[in-house]
Amino acid sequence: MIKVLRDTLTNDGVWSQKKIQTFTSFYVAALYAFMPALMPTFQVNEVIFLGFLTAGGYAIYQTQKQKSAQ
């Protein structure tokens, strides 16, 4: 499991901040969306949920922008 994460989140052995941001923002958004299943009184705010997804999308956009510039 650790090897899969390391291979996914690194570039040539160096941890990639953009990959980590994309990875964590997606899973935090998913956890946030399913919190009412664990705590029925929890209220999901759509703006916060979309903010998590936007952060991951922005990191992917920046990565693609840098690759196309090279």
Protein backbone atom coordinates (compact mmCIF):
# COMPACT_ATOMS: atom_id res chain seq x y z
CA MET A 1 0.00 0.00 0.00
CA ILE A 2 2.76 2.46 0.90
CA LYS A 3 4.62 1.67 -2.34
CA VAL A 4 1.49 2.46 -4.37
CA LEU A 5 1.10 5.82 -2.61
CA ARG A 6 4.79 6.60 -2.99
CA ASP A 7 4.72 5.76 -6.71
CA THR A 8 1.55 7.78 -7.23
CA LEU A 9 2.60 10.89 -5.33
CA THR A 10 6.24 11.24 -6.37
CA ASN A 11 8.11 12.36 -9.46
CA ASP A 12 11.47 10.58 -9.75
CA GLY A 13 11.57 9.95 -6.00
CA VAL A 14 10.63 13.52 -5.01
CA TRP A 15 7.26 14.16 -3.39
CA SER A 16 5.05 16.30 -5.62
CA GLN A 17 3.04 18.94 -3.77
CA LYS A 18 0.49 19.18 -6.59
CA LYS A 19 -0.09 15.43 -6.67
CA ILE A 20 -0.49 15.34 -2.90
CA GLN A 21 -2.94 18.26 -3.01
CA THR A 22 -5.02 16.59 -5.73
CA PHE A 23 -5.03 13.25 -3.93
CA THR A 24 -5.94 14.61 -0.51
CA SER A 25 -8.51 17.18 -1.67
CA PHE A 26 -10.51 14.49 -3.51
CA TYR A 27 -10.58 12.14 -0.52
CA VAL A 28 -11.32 14.92 1.95
CA ALA A 29 -14.23 16.04 -0.28
CA ALA A 30 -15.55 12.46 -0.39
CA LEU A 31 -15.23 12.09 3.38
CA TYR A 32 -16.92 15.47 3.91
CA ALA A 33 -19.81 14.47 1.61
CA PHE A 34 -20.40 11.20 3.49
CA MET A 35 -20.12 12.64 7.02
CA PRO A 36 -23.92 12.69 7.46
CA ALA A 37 -23.87 8.89 7.17
CA LEU A 38 -21.60 8.78 10.23
CA MET A 39 -23.06 11.75 12.13
CA PRO A 40 -26.70 12.41 11.17
CA THR A 41 -26.69 15.94 12.64
CA PHE A 42 -23.77 17.03 10.43
CA GLN A 43 -24.71 19.58 7.75
CA VAL A 44 -22.80 19.49 4.45
CA ASN A 45 -22.10 22.94 3.05
CA GLU A 46 -21.95 22.79 -0.74
CA VAL A 47 -19.48 25.69 -0.96
CA ILE A 48 -16.96 23.85 1.21
CA PHE A 49 -17.44 20.63 -0.77
CA LEU A 50 -16.92 22.44 -4.07
CA GLY A 51 -13.91 24.22 -2.60
CA PHE A 52 -12.21 20.90 -1.92
CA LEU A 53 -12.91 19.70 -5.46
CA THR A 54 -11.78 23.02 -6.93
CA ALA A 55 -8.47 22.84 -5.04
CA GLY A 56 -7.75 19.44 -6.57
CA GLY A 57 -8.83 20.59 -10.02
CA TYR A 58 -6.64 23.68 -9.80
CA ALA A 59 -3.61 21.55 -8.93
CA ILE A 60 -4.26 19.36 -11.98
CA TYR A 61 -4.70 22.47 -14.14
CA GLN A 62 -1.37 23.92 -12.94
CA THR A 63 0.40 20.63 -13.65
CA GLN A 64 -0.98 20.46 -17.19
CA LYS A 65 -0.17 24.11 -17.78
CA GLN A 66 3.47 23.55 -16.79
CA LYS A 67 3.74 20.43 -18.97
CA SER A 68 2.38 22.23 -22.04
CA ALA A 69 4.79 25.17 -21.50
CA GLN A 70 7.77 22.82 -21.65
